[in-house]
Amino acid sequence: LPPTSKMDLLSGVKLSRSDGTNVEVEEALAGKKLVLFYFSAHWCPPCRMFTPLLRDFYEEASSLGIEIVFVSSDRSRDSMLAYMKESHGPWFALEHNSDIGHQITKQYNISSIPTLVVFRADGTLVTINGRDMVTSKDPLQLVKMWTA
């Protein structure tokens, strides 16, 4: 990522997978055109309804240069990991209850979940309404539109 990137906020952050392994953010997002932050929690029924749709979207669109980063509102790291194993795709997550997660939540005024915020790799905000778009549009069309 270029040094002037708005994604610098994430510099040096470790992202985790559902199996608990960690990956440096630079490695996880290398070569990606879009980064989608998914704000969600297992205790939230609308989240549990949307997550399988997002997983299907990811399966179709991940080869097109997108990555999803889960920002959990779960009550514990264990419930976050259980939710990821149970219903998420093979994407990454910010550390449970992390400062970075709180900063992003505050910066983009995330007040309800599920919310899907879409950024270009350089940190440019594309939309905070990714959830509505994912539920109503074809994945390939969406990625094309978001990267245009």
C-alpha atoms as a PDB file:
ATOM      1  CA  LEU A   1       0.000   0.000   0.000  1.00  0.00           C
ATOM      2  CA  PRO A   2       1.304   3.482  -0.790  1.00  0.00           C
ATOM      3  CA  PRO A   3       2.623   5.408   2.237  1.00  0.00           C
ATOM      4  CA  THR A   4       0.022   8.160   1.754  1.00  0.00           C
ATOM      5  CA  SER A   5      -2.799   5.627   1.880  1.00  0.00           C
ATOM      6  CA  LYS A   6      -5.728   6.203   4.217  1.00  0.00           C
ATOM      7  CA  MET A   7      -5.320   2.499   5.021  1.00  0.00           C
ATOM      8  CA  ASP A   8      -2.170   3.437   6.983  1.00  0.00           C
ATOM      9  CA  LEU A   9      -4.417   3.248  10.045  1.00  0.00           C
ATOM     10  CA  LEU A  10      -4.097  -0.523   9.629  1.00  0.00           C
ATOM     11  CA  SER A  11      -0.322  -0.537   9.230  1.00  0.00           C
ATOM     12  CA  GLY A  12       1.291  -3.289  11.301  1.00  0.00           C
ATOM     13  CA  VAL A  13      -2.059  -4.672  12.452  1.00  0.00           C
ATOM     14  CA  LYS A  14      -2.492  -8.442  12.627  1.00  0.00           C
ATOM     15  CA  LEU A  15      -5.679  -9.923  11.214  1.00  0.00           C
ATOM     16  CA  SER A  16      -6.945 -13.296  12.361  1.00  0.00           C
ATOM     17  CA  ARG A  17      -8.706 -16.182  10.670  1.00  0.00           C
ATOM     18  CA  SER A  18     -11.441 -18.340  12.150  1.00  0.00           C
ATOM     19  CA  ASP A  19      -8.827 -20.967  13.103  1.00  0.00           C
ATOM     20  CA  GLY A  20      -7.109 -18.370  15.307  1.00  0.00           C
ATOM     21  CA  THR A  21      -4.033 -17.924  13.093  1.00  0.00           C
ATOM     22  CA  ASN A  22      -2.769 -14.377  12.524  1.00  0.00           C
ATOM     23  CA  VAL A  23      -1.621 -12.678   9.335  1.00  0.00           C
ATOM     24  CA  GLU A  24      -0.016  -9.251   8.908  1.00  0.00           C
ATOM     25  CA  VAL A  25      -2.508  -6.843   7.319  1.00  0.00           C
ATOM     26  CA  GLU A  26      -0.020  -5.978   4.557  1.00  0.00           C
ATOM     27  CA  GLU A  27       0.148  -9.650   3.543  1.00  0.00           C
ATOM     28  CA  ALA A  28      -3.620 -10.219   3.831  1.00  0.00           C
ATOM     29  CA  LEU A  29      -4.479  -7.205   1.671  1.00  0.00           C
ATOM     30  CA  ALA A  30      -1.609  -7.449  -0.836  1.00  0.00           C
ATOM     31  CA  GLY A  31      -2.896  -7.083  -4.385  1.00  0.00           C
ATOM     32  CA  LYS A  32      -6.486  -6.399  -3.311  1.00  0.00           C
ATOM     33  CA  LYS A  33      -8.515  -3.736  -5.135  1.00  0.00           C
ATOM     34  CA  LEU A  34     -11.258  -3.495  -2.520  1.00  0.00           C
ATOM     35  CA  VAL A  35     -11.379  -3.956   1.239  1.00  0.00           C
ATOM     36  CA  LEU A  36     -14.818  -4.487   2.789  1.00  0.00           C
ATOM     37  CA  PHE A  37     -15.209  -3.996   6.536  1.00  0.00           C
ATOM     38  CA  TYR A  38     -18.021  -6.141   7.885  1.00  0.00           C
ATOM     39  CA  PHE A  39     -19.496  -4.933  11.197  1.00  0.00           C
ATOM     40  CA  SER A  40     -21.510  -7.755  12.711  1.00  0.00           C
ATOM     41  CA  ALA A  41     -22.116 -10.015  15.724  1.00  0.00           C
ATOM     42  CA  HIS A  42     -23.522 -13.474  16.334  1.00  0.00           C
ATOM     43  CA  TRP A  43     -26.124 -12.208  18.836  1.00  0.00           C
ATOM     44  CA  CYS A  44     -27.678 -10.002  16.107  1.00  0.00           C
ATOM     45  CA  PRO A  45     -30.450 -11.834  14.138  1.00  0.00           C
ATOM     46  CA  PRO A  46     -30.205  -9.586  11.028  1.00  0.00           C
ATOM     47  CA  CYS A  47     -26.442 -10.261  11.002  1.00  0.00           C
ATOM     48  CA  ARG A  48     -27.020 -14.008  11.101  1.00  0.00           C
ATOM     49  CA  MET A  49     -29.368 -13.612   8.112  1.00  0.00           C
ATOM     50  CA  PHE A  50     -26.943 -11.453   6.104  1.00  0.00           C
ATOM     51  CA  THR A  51     -23.685 -13.359   6.787  1.00  0.00           C
ATOM     52  CA  PRO A  52     -24.554 -16.353   4.510  1.00  0.00           C
ATOM     53  CA  LEU A  53     -25.391 -13.890   1.691  1.00  0.00           C
ATOM     54  CA  LEU A  54     -22.052 -12.175   2.226  1.00  0.00           C
ATOM     55  CA  ARG A  55     -20.301 -15.562   2.201  1.00  0.00           C
ATOM     56  CA  ASP A  56     -21.907 -16.378  -1.177  1.00  0.00           C
ATOM     57  CA  PHE A  57     -20.883 -12.944  -2.486  1.00  0.00           C
ATOM     58  CA  TYR A  58     -17.302 -13.532  -1.270  1.00  0.00           C
ATOM     59  CA  GLU A  59     -17.115 -16.946  -2.936  1.00  0.00           C
ATOM     60  CA  GLU A  60     -18.016 -15.348  -6.275  1.00  0.00           C
ATOM     61  CA  ALA A  61     -16.064 -12.109  -5.926  1.00  0.00           C
ATOM     62  CA  SER A  62     -12.904 -12.961  -3.939  1.00  0.00           C
ATOM     63  CA  SER A  63     -10.983 -13.840  -7.114  1.00  0.00           C
ATOM     64  CA  LEU A  64     -11.679 -10.302  -8.392  1.00  0.00           C
ATOM     65  CA  GLY A  65      -9.426  -8.659  -5.805  1.00  0.00           C
ATOM     66  CA  ILE A  66     -11.684  -8.127  -2.809  1.00  0.00           C
ATOM     67  CA  GLU A  67     -11.037  -8.923   0.826  1.00  0.00           C
ATOM     68  CA  ILE A  68     -13.395  -8.768   3.774  1.00  0.00           C
ATOM     69  CA  VAL A  69     -12.296  -7.770   7.272  1.00  0.00           C
ATOM     70  CA  PHE A  70     -14.742  -8.625  10.061  1.00  0.00           C
ATOM     71  CA  VAL A  71     -15.162  -6.067  12.860  1.00  0.00           C
ATOM     72  CA  SER A  72     -16.902  -7.959  15.638  1.00  0.00           C
ATOM     73  CA  SER A  73     -19.437  -6.643  18.127  1.00  0.00           C
ATOM     74  CA  ASP A  74     -19.522 -10.046  19.804  1.00  0.00           C
ATOM     75  CA  ARG A  75     -19.250 -10.100  23.574  1.00  0.00           C
ATOM     76  CA  SER A  76     -16.017 -12.132  23.640  1.00  0.00           C
ATOM     77  CA  ARG A  77     -13.207 -13.374  21.407  1.00  0.00           C
ATOM     78  CA  ASP A  78     -14.545 -16.922  21.812  1.00  0.00           C
ATOM     79  CA  SER A  79     -18.010 -16.006  20.552  1.00  0.00           C
ATOM     80  CA  MET A  80     -16.425 -14.050  17.675  1.00  0.00           C
ATOM     81  CA  LEU A  81     -14.361 -17.090  16.615  1.00  0.00           C
ATOM     82  CA  ALA A  82     -17.359 -19.424  17.013  1.00  0.00           C
ATOM     83  CA  TYR A  83     -19.452 -17.123  14.785  1.00  0.00           C
ATOM     84  CA  MET A  84     -16.655 -17.011  12.203  1.00  0.00           C
ATOM     85  CA  LYS A  85     -16.310 -20.818  12.166  1.00  0.00           C
ATOM     86  CA  GLU A  86     -20.073 -21.340  12.035  1.00  0.00           C
ATOM     87  CA  SER A  87     -21.112 -18.994   9.263  1.00  0.00           C
ATOM     88  CA  HIS A  88     -18.405 -16.732   7.870  1.00  0.00           C
ATOM     89  CA  GLY A  89     -16.415 -17.142   4.683  1.00  0.00           C
ATOM     90  CA  PRO A  90     -12.617 -17.590   4.801  1.00  0.00           C
ATOM     91  CA  TRP A  91     -11.996 -13.887   5.338  1.00  0.00           C
ATOM     92  CA  PHE A  92     -10.114 -12.066   8.072  1.00  0.00           C
ATOM     93  CA  ALA A  93     -11.051 -10.313  11.298  1.00  0.00           C
ATOM     94  CA  LEU A  94      -9.651  -7.494  13.364  1.00  0.00           C
ATOM     95  CA  GLU A  95      -8.681  -8.540  16.877  1.00  0.00           C
ATOM     96  CA  HIS A  96     -11.766  -8.661  19.126  1.00  0.00           C
ATOM     97  CA  ASN A  97     -12.451  -5.322  20.828  1.00  0.00           C
ATOM     98  CA  SER A  98      -9.428  -3.700  19.138  1.00  0.00           C
ATOM     99  CA  ASP A  99      -8.641   0.013  19.174  1.00  0.00           C
ATOM    100  CA  ILE A 100      -8.548  -0.028  15.364  1.00  0.00           C
ATOM    101  CA  GLY A 101     -12.065  -1.510  15.247  1.00  0.00           C
ATOM    102  CA  HIS A 102     -13.304   1.215  17.595  1.00  0.00           C
ATOM    103  CA  GLN A 103     -11.563   3.917  15.533  1.00  0.00           C
ATOM    104  CA  ILE A 104     -13.119   2.733  12.272  1.00  0.00           C
ATOM    105  CA  THR A 105     -16.536   2.404  13.914  1.00  0.00           C
ATOM    106  CA  LYS A 106     -16.296   5.963  15.199  1.00  0.00           C
ATOM    107  CA  GLN A 107     -14.741   7.469  12.060  1.00  0.00           C
ATOM    108  CA  TYR A 108     -17.494   6.111   9.802  1.00  0.00           C
ATOM    109  CA  ASN A 109     -20.269   6.545  12.351  1.00  0.00           C
ATOM    110  CA  ILE A 110     -21.286   2.883  12.415  1.00  0.00           C
ATOM    111  CA  SER A 111     -24.311   2.825  14.695  1.00  0.00           C
ATOM    112  CA  SER A 112     -26.082  -0.360  13.643  1.00  0.00           C
ATOM    113  CA  ILE A 113     -25.170  -3.840  12.479  1.00  0.00           C
ATOM    114  CA  PRO A 114     -24.853  -5.544  10.093  1.00  0.00           C
ATOM    115  CA  THR A 115     -22.993  -2.856   8.143  1.00  0.00           C
ATOM    116  CA  LEU A 116     -20.640  -3.412   5.211  1.00  0.00           C
ATOM    117  CA  VAL A 117     -18.292  -0.511   4.405  1.00  0.00           C
ATOM    118  CA  VAL A 118     -16.442  -0.700   1.087  1.00  0.00           C
ATOM    119  CA  PHE A 119     -13.050   0.947   0.471  1.00  0.00           C
ATOM    120  CA  ARG A 120     -10.672   0.965  -2.456  1.00  0.00           C
ATOM    121  CA  ALA A 121      -7.173  -0.312  -1.623  1.00  0.00           C
ATOM    122  CA  ASP A 122      -5.905   3.286  -1.354  1.00  0.00           C
ATOM    123  CA  GLY A 123      -8.391   3.926   1.466  1.00  0.00           C
ATOM    124  CA  THR A 124     -10.958   5.845  -0.592  1.00  0.00           C
ATOM    125  CA  LEU A 125     -14.442   5.258   0.780  1.00  0.00           C
ATOM    126  CA  VAL A 126     -16.723   3.727  -1.877  1.00  0.00           C
ATOM    127  CA  THR A 127     -19.895   3.206   0.166  1.00  0.00           C
ATOM    128  CA  ILE A 128     -21.144   2.560   3.681  1.00  0.00           C
ATOM    129  CA  ASN A 129     -24.222   0.831   2.184  1.00  0.00           C
ATOM    130  CA  GLY A 130     -22.461  -2.285   0.950  1.00  0.00           C
ATOM    131  CA  ARG A 131     -24.975  -4.512   2.724  1.00  0.00           C
ATOM    132  CA  ASP A 132     -27.947  -3.274   0.665  1.00  0.00           C
ATOM    133  CA  MET A 133     -25.919  -3.567  -2.523  1.00  0.00           C
ATOM    134  CA  VAL A 134     -24.757  -7.122  -1.785  1.00  0.00           C
ATOM    135  CA  THR A 135     -28.347  -8.226  -1.173  1.00  0.00           C
ATOM    136  CA  SER A 136     -29.647  -6.677  -4.406  1.00  0.00           C
ATOM    137  CA  LYS A 137     -26.906  -6.870  -7.061  1.00  0.00           C
ATOM    138  CA  ASP A 138     -24.767  -9.414  -8.881  1.00  0.00           C
ATOM    139  CA  PRO A 139     -21.272  -9.775  -7.289  1.00  0.00           C
ATOM    140  CA  LEU A 140     -19.406  -9.285 -10.577  1.00  0.00           C
ATOM    141  CA  GLN A 141     -21.384  -6.126 -11.423  1.00  0.00           C
ATOM    142  CA  LEU A 142     -20.802  -4.770  -7.921  1.00  0.00           C
ATOM    143  CA  VAL A 143     -17.050  -5.249  -7.992  1.00  0.00           C
ATOM    144  CA  LYS A 144     -16.918  -3.610 -11.425  1.00  0.00           C
ATOM    145  CA  MET A 145     -18.993  -0.678 -10.159  1.00  0.00           C
ATOM    146  CA  TRP A 146     -16.968  -0.303  -6.934  1.00  0.00           C
ATOM    147  CA  THR A 147     -13.615  -0.347  -8.762  1.00  0.00           C
ATOM    148  CA  ALA A 148     -14.691   1.974 -11.610  1.00  0.00           C
END
